Amino acid sequence: MSVGEKMFGALKTVLTLKEQLDGLGKDLGILNGRLSGLAEAHGALRDRVSRLEGIIEGAAMAGGRQPRIEG
């Protein structure tokens, strides 16, 4: 192999790696957005479960019985 062919191969490798890193950066941005959405959904679900627990506890106290759900 000549020096020119080796240099061309090295340049080609560097450009290929740069393209792969650019693609990885885009994928990480998408993943970050999806993770943020998941965190928001988790918070909303936590709030809904807390409200349901309050309703169940209130109904149990009004009926004078212990709640059947343990946890």
C-alpha atoms as a PDB file:
ATOM      1  CA  MET A   1       0.000   0.000   0.000  1.00  0.00           C
ATOM      2  CA  SER A   2       1.225   3.443  -0.778  1.00  0.00           C
ATOM      3  CA  VAL A   3       1.251   6.325   1.664  1.00  0.00           C
ATOM      4  CA  GLY A   4      -1.570   8.016  -0.242  1.00  0.00           C
ATOM      5  CA  GLU A   5      -3.795   4.950   0.039  1.00  0.00           C
ATOM      6  CA  LYS A   6      -3.091   4.696   3.767  1.00  0.00           C
ATOM      7  CA  MET A   7      -3.916   8.370   4.262  1.00  0.00           C
ATOM      8  CA  PHE A   8      -7.117   8.008   2.256  1.00  0.00           C
ATOM      9  CA  GLY A   9      -8.107   4.975   4.347  1.00  0.00           C
ATOM     10  CA  ALA A  10      -7.448   6.847   7.585  1.00  0.00           C
ATOM     11  CA  LEU A  11      -9.452   9.848   6.392  1.00  0.00           C
ATOM     12  CA  LYS A  12     -12.306   7.589   5.363  1.00  0.00           C
ATOM     13  CA  THR A  13     -12.261   5.963   8.820  1.00  0.00           C
ATOM     14  CA  VAL A  14     -12.329   9.331  10.577  1.00  0.00           C
ATOM     15  CA  LEU A  15     -15.260  10.572   8.478  1.00  0.00           C
ATOM     16  CA  THR A  16     -17.173   7.334   9.063  1.00  0.00           C
ATOM     17  CA  LEU A  17     -16.632   7.627  12.807  1.00  0.00           C
ATOM     18  CA  LYS A  18     -17.796  11.251  12.725  1.00  0.00           C
ATOM     19  CA  GLU A  19     -21.016  10.230  10.972  1.00  0.00           C
ATOM     20  CA  GLN A  20     -21.591   7.511  13.535  1.00  0.00           C
ATOM     21  CA  LEU A  21     -21.036   9.953  16.406  1.00  0.00           C
ATOM     22  CA  ASP A  22     -23.444  12.435  14.838  1.00  0.00           C
ATOM     23  CA  GLY A  23     -26.055   9.688  14.591  1.00  0.00           C
ATOM     24  CA  LEU A  24     -25.407   8.707  18.189  1.00  0.00           C
ATOM     25  CA  GLY A  25     -25.911  12.319  19.274  1.00  0.00           C
ATOM     26  CA  LYS A  26     -29.287  12.435  17.537  1.00  0.00           C
ATOM     27  CA  ASP A  27     -30.294   9.126  19.121  1.00  0.00           C
ATOM     28  CA  LEU A  28     -29.327  10.421  22.562  1.00  0.00           C
ATOM     29  CA  GLY A  29     -31.430  13.537  22.022  1.00  0.00           C
ATOM     30  CA  ILE A  30     -34.451  11.415  21.127  1.00  0.00           C
ATOM     31  CA  LEU A  31     -33.841   9.145  24.121  1.00  0.00           C
ATOM     32  CA  ASN A  32     -33.614  12.188  26.398  1.00  0.00           C
ATOM     33  CA  GLY A  33     -37.005  13.405  25.190  1.00  0.00           C
ATOM     34  CA  ARG A  34     -38.578  10.004  25.692  1.00  0.00           C
ATOM     35  CA  LEU A  35     -37.094   9.706  29.173  1.00  0.00           C
ATOM     36  CA  SER A  36     -38.466  13.127  30.113  1.00  0.00           C
ATOM     37  CA  GLY A  37     -41.913  12.049  28.928  1.00  0.00           C
ATOM     38  CA  LEU A  38     -41.654   8.858  30.961  1.00  0.00           C
ATOM     39  CA  ALA A  39     -40.725  10.821  34.081  1.00  0.00           C
ATOM     40  CA  GLU A  40     -43.743  13.102  33.610  1.00  0.00           C
ATOM     41  CA  ALA A  41     -46.053  10.114  33.110  1.00  0.00           C
ATOM     42  CA  HIS A  42     -44.635   8.478  36.240  1.00  0.00           C
ATOM     43  CA  GLY A  43     -45.346  11.624  38.273  1.00  0.00           C
ATOM     44  CA  ALA A  44     -48.916  11.805  36.959  1.00  0.00           C
ATOM     45  CA  LEU A  45     -49.478   8.138  37.773  1.00  0.00           C
ATOM     46  CA  ARG A  46     -48.091   8.639  41.281  1.00  0.00           C
ATOM     47  CA  ASP A  47     -50.547  11.495  41.834  1.00  0.00           C
ATOM     48  CA  ARG A  48     -53.485   9.396  40.601  1.00  0.00           C
ATOM     49  CA  VAL A  49     -52.550   6.492  42.881  1.00  0.00           C
ATOM     50  CA  SER A  50     -52.223   8.865  45.840  1.00  0.00           C
ATOM     51  CA  ARG A  51     -55.714  10.223  45.180  1.00  0.00           C
ATOM     52  CA  LEU A  52     -57.136   6.699  44.956  1.00  0.00           C
ATOM     53  CA  GLU A  53     -55.438   5.730  48.209  1.00  0.00           C
ATOM     54  CA  GLY A  54     -56.999   8.777  49.878  1.00  0.00           C
ATOM     55  CA  ILE A  55     -60.449   7.829  48.616  1.00  0.00           C
ATOM     56  CA  ILE A  56     -60.042   4.250  49.813  1.00  0.00           C
ATOM     57  CA  GLU A  57     -58.788   5.333  53.222  1.00  0.00           C
ATOM     58  CA  GLY A  58     -61.601   7.868  53.559  1.00  0.00           C
ATOM     59  CA  ALA A  59     -64.230   5.281  52.674  1.00  0.00           C
ATOM     60  CA  ALA A  60     -62.716   2.818  55.127  1.00  0.00           C
ATOM     61  CA  MET A  61     -62.739   5.375  57.926  1.00  0.00           C
ATOM     62  CA  ALA A  62     -66.321   6.367  57.174  1.00  0.00           C
ATOM     63  CA  GLY A  63     -67.424   2.733  57.276  1.00  0.00           C
ATOM     64  CA  GLY A  64     -65.607   2.034  60.538  1.00  0.00           C
ATOM     65  CA  ARG A  65     -63.773  -0.948  59.049  1.00  0.00           C
ATOM     66  CA  GLN A  66     -60.123  -1.545  58.375  1.00  0.00           C
ATOM     67  CA  PRO A  67     -59.152  -1.377  54.700  1.00  0.00           C
ATOM     68  CA  ARG A  68     -58.653  -4.755  53.058  1.00  0.00           C
ATOM     69  CA  ILE A  69     -55.768  -3.557  50.914  1.00  0.00           C
ATOM     70  CA  GLU A  70     -52.427  -3.831  52.660  1.00  0.00           C
ATOM     71  CA  GLY A  71     -49.231  -2.377  51.386  1.00  0.00           C
END
